[in-house]
Amino acid sequence: MAQTQVVTDEGIGELIKLWAESAATGMESIVCMTDSSACTAAVTHTYASPADTKCTDSGLDLAAIDTVSTTTVNTTGDTITFDHVFTATGTKNVTGILVCNNDDDVAYIECCFNSVIAAESGDTITIDGQSTIDQA
């Protein structure tokens, strides 16, 4: 499925805090977003103000990411991957996901799908995400 995705400015700020050994937290949570039409990801979006409304029900609400791991650690293609399976418990439009820190107050990554997924009870949405950081 095509999509728009970004590492948010808020997420980059949290990474800088980690490097500075300041008060910061790692990538840990994920939540679906909902609306009646497709969204567009933007670096300026935040946890408090994402592209669309965060889901608060229907099995698509904030949850711990199933797995977070590094796949490459060097100076070319450093990559972190994350996986999660949502299982809908009700009917909900899903427009994308928001990947958050473990305090659930910072959005690291926002991903908007190119069309709305009409999830119904029992449907699964499998997220296999990856973020790659390269030297400029």
C-alpha atoms as a PDB file:
ATOM      1  CA  MET A   1       0.000   0.000   0.000  1.00  0.00           C
ATOM      2  CA  ALA A   2       1.319   3.439  -0.912  1.00  0.00           C
ATOM      3  CA  GLN A   3       1.656   5.954   1.868  1.00  0.00           C
ATOM      4  CA  THR A   4       3.336   9.124   3.075  1.00  0.00           C
ATOM      5  CA  GLN A   5       5.608   8.766   6.072  1.00  0.00           C
ATOM      6  CA  VAL A   6       7.981  11.006   7.980  1.00  0.00           C
ATOM      7  CA  VAL A   7      10.205  11.084  11.022  1.00  0.00           C
ATOM      8  CA  THR A   8       8.685  14.055  12.829  1.00  0.00           C
ATOM      9  CA  ASP A   9      10.587  17.092  14.078  1.00  0.00           C
ATOM     10  CA  GLU A  10       9.337  16.100  17.542  1.00  0.00           C
ATOM     11  CA  GLY A  11      10.876  12.636  17.099  1.00  0.00           C
ATOM     12  CA  ILE A  12      14.201  14.071  15.949  1.00  0.00           C
ATOM     13  CA  GLY A  13      14.208  16.314  19.013  1.00  0.00           C
ATOM     14  CA  GLU A  14      13.738  13.253  21.223  1.00  0.00           C
ATOM     15  CA  LEU A  15      16.684  11.534  19.489  1.00  0.00           C
ATOM     16  CA  ILE A  16      18.888  14.551  20.154  1.00  0.00           C
ATOM     17  CA  LYS A  17      17.894  14.382  23.835  1.00  0.00           C
ATOM     18  CA  LEU A  18      18.947  10.714  23.887  1.00  0.00           C
ATOM     19  CA  TRP A  19      22.343  11.602  22.417  1.00  0.00           C
ATOM     20  CA  ALA A  20      22.778  14.322  25.016  1.00  0.00           C
ATOM     21  CA  GLU A  21      21.757  11.904  27.779  1.00  0.00           C
ATOM     22  CA  SER A  22      18.943  14.268  28.618  1.00  0.00           C
ATOM     23  CA  ALA A  23      15.441  13.241  29.688  1.00  0.00           C
ATOM     24  CA  ALA A  24      14.287  11.220  26.692  1.00  0.00           C
ATOM     25  CA  THR A  25      12.608   7.917  25.926  1.00  0.00           C
ATOM     26  CA  GLY A  26      12.823   5.315  23.182  1.00  0.00           C
ATOM     27  CA  MET A  27      10.376   4.112  20.560  1.00  0.00           C
ATOM     28  CA  GLU A  28       7.824   1.888  22.275  1.00  0.00           C
ATOM     29  CA  SER A  29       4.158   2.572  21.423  1.00  0.00           C
ATOM     30  CA  ILE A  30       1.973   2.636  18.325  1.00  0.00           C
ATOM     31  CA  VAL A  31      -1.553   3.837  17.640  1.00  0.00           C
ATOM     32  CA  CYS A  32      -3.815   3.892  14.579  1.00  0.00           C
ATOM     33  CA  MET A  33      -5.237   7.148  13.286  1.00  0.00           C
ATOM     34  CA  THR A  34      -8.803   7.611  12.074  1.00  0.00           C
ATOM     35  CA  ASP A  35     -10.818   9.981   9.875  1.00  0.00           C
ATOM     36  CA  SER A  36     -13.229   9.772   6.960  1.00  0.00           C
ATOM     37  CA  SER A  37     -10.585  10.602   4.341  1.00  0.00           C
ATOM     38  CA  ALA A  38      -6.903   9.850   3.768  1.00  0.00           C
ATOM     39  CA  CYS A  39      -4.293  11.995   5.528  1.00  0.00           C
ATOM     40  CA  THR A  40      -0.836  13.272   4.614  1.00  0.00           C
ATOM     41  CA  ALA A  41       2.111  12.861   6.986  1.00  0.00           C
ATOM     42  CA  ALA A  42       4.090  15.983   7.882  1.00  0.00           C
ATOM     43  CA  VAL A  43       7.278  16.553   9.890  1.00  0.00           C
ATOM     44  CA  THR A  44       5.541  19.303  11.866  1.00  0.00           C
ATOM     45  CA  HIS A  45       2.863  16.977  13.241  1.00  0.00           C
ATOM     46  CA  THR A  46       3.172  16.035  16.905  1.00  0.00           C
ATOM     47  CA  TYR A  47       1.763  13.468  19.312  1.00  0.00           C
ATOM     48  CA  ALA A  48      -0.737  16.089  20.451  1.00  0.00           C
ATOM     49  CA  SER A  49      -1.541  17.144  16.879  1.00  0.00           C
ATOM     50  CA  PRO A  50      -1.159  14.249  14.418  1.00  0.00           C
ATOM     51  CA  ALA A  51      -2.465  14.176  10.837  1.00  0.00           C
ATOM     52  CA  ASP A  52      -5.715  12.585  12.044  1.00  0.00           C
ATOM     53  CA  THR A  53      -7.383  11.675  15.308  1.00  0.00           C
ATOM     54  CA  LYS A  54      -5.708   8.890  17.306  1.00  0.00           C
ATOM     55  CA  CYS A  55      -7.927   5.811  17.736  1.00  0.00           C
ATOM     56  CA  THR A  56      -9.117   5.281  21.292  1.00  0.00           C
ATOM     57  CA  ASP A  57     -11.153   2.115  20.787  1.00  0.00           C
ATOM     58  CA  SER A  58     -11.930  -0.820  18.498  1.00  0.00           C
ATOM     59  CA  GLY A  59      -8.627  -2.598  19.264  1.00  0.00           C
ATOM     60  CA  LEU A  60      -6.734   0.067  17.290  1.00  0.00           C
ATOM     61  CA  ASP A  61      -5.809   2.267  20.242  1.00  0.00           C
ATOM     62  CA  LEU A  62      -2.414   2.932  21.791  1.00  0.00           C
ATOM     63  CA  ALA A  63      -0.452  -0.276  22.417  1.00  0.00           C
ATOM     64  CA  ALA A  64       3.104  -1.417  23.045  1.00  0.00           C
ATOM     65  CA  ILE A  65       4.866  -2.189  19.758  1.00  0.00           C
ATOM     66  CA  ASP A  66       5.328  -5.952  19.361  1.00  0.00           C
ATOM     67  CA  THR A  67       9.023  -5.695  18.409  1.00  0.00           C
ATOM     68  CA  VAL A  68      11.596  -2.914  17.958  1.00  0.00           C
ATOM     69  CA  SER A  69      15.087  -3.805  16.754  1.00  0.00           C
ATOM     70  CA  THR A  70      18.086  -2.525  14.833  1.00  0.00           C
ATOM     71  CA  THR A  71      18.974  -4.249  11.583  1.00  0.00           C
ATOM     72  CA  THR A  72      21.967  -2.209  10.467  1.00  0.00           C
ATOM     73  CA  VAL A  73      24.394  -0.257  12.630  1.00  0.00           C
ATOM     74  CA  ASN A  74      27.125   1.519  10.660  1.00  0.00           C
ATOM     75  CA  THR A  75      27.209   4.862   8.844  1.00  0.00           C
ATOM     76  CA  THR A  76      25.251   3.828   5.772  1.00  0.00           C
ATOM     77  CA  GLY A  77      21.697   2.662   6.106  1.00  0.00           C
ATOM     78  CA  ASP A  78      21.420   2.526   9.896  1.00  0.00           C
ATOM     79  CA  THR A  79      17.979   1.061  10.366  1.00  0.00           C
ATOM     80  CA  ILE A  80      15.474   0.470  13.104  1.00  0.00           C
ATOM     81  CA  THR A  81      12.523  -1.809  12.433  1.00  0.00           C
ATOM     82  CA  PHE A  82       9.259  -2.164  14.278  1.00  0.00           C
ATOM     83  CA  ASP A  83       6.385  -4.596  13.915  1.00  0.00           C
ATOM     84  CA  HIS A  84       2.872  -4.658  15.296  1.00  0.00           C
ATOM     85  CA  VAL A  85      -0.395  -6.416  14.551  1.00  0.00           C
ATOM     86  CA  PHE A  86      -3.635  -4.631  15.376  1.00  0.00           C
ATOM     87  CA  THR A  87      -6.833  -6.692  15.568  1.00  0.00           C
ATOM     88  CA  ALA A  88      -9.993  -4.646  15.232  1.00  0.00           C
ATOM     89  CA  THR A  89     -12.702  -5.301  17.819  1.00  0.00           C
ATOM     90  CA  GLY A  90     -15.219  -3.030  16.121  1.00  0.00           C
ATOM     91  CA  THR A  91     -15.777  -0.980  12.981  1.00  0.00           C
ATOM     92  CA  LYS A  92     -13.350   1.905  12.430  1.00  0.00           C
ATOM     93  CA  ASN A  93     -11.814   3.868   9.557  1.00  0.00           C
ATOM     94  CA  VAL A  94      -8.014   3.660   9.737  1.00  0.00           C
ATOM     95  CA  THR A  95      -5.991   6.322   7.940  1.00  0.00           C
ATOM     96  CA  GLY A  96      -2.489   5.607   9.253  1.00  0.00           C
ATOM     97  CA  ILE A  97      -0.299   5.057  12.308  1.00  0.00           C
ATOM     98  CA  LEU A  98       1.666   7.072  14.790  1.00  0.00           C
ATOM     99  CA  VAL A  99       4.817   5.553  16.355  1.00  0.00           C
ATOM    100  CA  CYS A 100       5.440   6.989  19.813  1.00  0.00           C
ATOM    101  CA  ASN A 101       7.901   7.017  22.678  1.00  0.00           C
ATOM    102  CA  ASN A 102       7.357   5.096  25.908  1.00  0.00           C
ATOM    103  CA  ASP A 103       5.932   8.144  27.701  1.00  0.00           C
ATOM    104  CA  ASP A 104       3.298   8.396  24.952  1.00  0.00           C
ATOM    105  CA  ASP A 105       3.844  12.112  24.490  1.00  0.00           C
ATOM    106  CA  VAL A 106       6.206  12.214  21.464  1.00  0.00           C
ATOM    107  CA  ALA A 107       5.481  11.087  17.904  1.00  0.00           C
ATOM    108  CA  TYR A 108       8.631   9.631  16.330  1.00  0.00           C
ATOM    109  CA  ILE A 109       7.092   8.556  13.034  1.00  0.00           C
ATOM    110  CA  GLU A 110       3.828   9.356  11.308  1.00  0.00           C
ATOM    111  CA  CYS A 111       2.587   7.225   8.421  1.00  0.00           C
ATOM    112  CA  CYS A 112      -0.568   8.032   6.452  1.00  0.00           C
ATOM    113  CA  PHE A 113      -2.084   5.449   4.109  1.00  0.00           C
ATOM    114  CA  ASN A 114      -3.082   6.600   0.603  1.00  0.00           C
ATOM    115  CA  SER A 115      -6.655   5.452   1.254  1.00  0.00           C
ATOM    116  CA  VAL A 116      -8.876   4.762   4.227  1.00  0.00           C
ATOM    117  CA  ILE A 117      -8.972   1.181   5.528  1.00  0.00           C
ATOM    118  CA  ALA A 118     -12.490   0.293   6.657  1.00  0.00           C
ATOM    119  CA  ALA A 119     -11.617  -2.106   9.467  1.00  0.00           C
ATOM    120  CA  GLU A 120     -14.306  -4.373  10.859  1.00  0.00           C
ATOM    121  CA  SER A 121     -14.284  -6.560  13.943  1.00  0.00           C
ATOM    122  CA  GLY A 122     -11.783  -9.394  13.497  1.00  0.00           C
ATOM    123  CA  ASP A 123      -9.762  -7.651  10.765  1.00  0.00           C
ATOM    124  CA  THR A 124      -6.013  -7.404  11.318  1.00  0.00           C
ATOM    125  CA  ILE A 125      -3.721  -4.585  10.287  1.00  0.00           C
ATOM    126  CA  THR A 126      -0.092  -5.706  10.211  1.00  0.00           C
ATOM    127  CA  ILE A 127       2.551  -2.998  10.483  1.00  0.00           C
ATOM    128  CA  ASP A 128       6.088  -3.840   9.311  1.00  0.00           C
ATOM    129  CA  GLY A 129       7.848  -0.508   9.701  1.00  0.00           C
ATOM    130  CA  GLN A 130      11.384   0.634   9.101  1.00  0.00           C
ATOM    131  CA  SER A 131      13.235   3.895   9.534  1.00  0.00           C
ATOM    132  CA  THR A 132      16.658   4.381   7.952  1.00  0.00           C
ATOM    133  CA  ILE A 133      19.126   7.102   8.939  1.00  0.00           C
ATOM    134  CA  ASP A 134      22.006   7.923   6.549  1.00  0.00           C
ATOM    135  CA  GLN A 135      24.893  10.340   6.706  1.00  0.00           C
ATOM    136  CA  ALA A 136      24.228  13.336   4.430  1.00  0.00           C
END
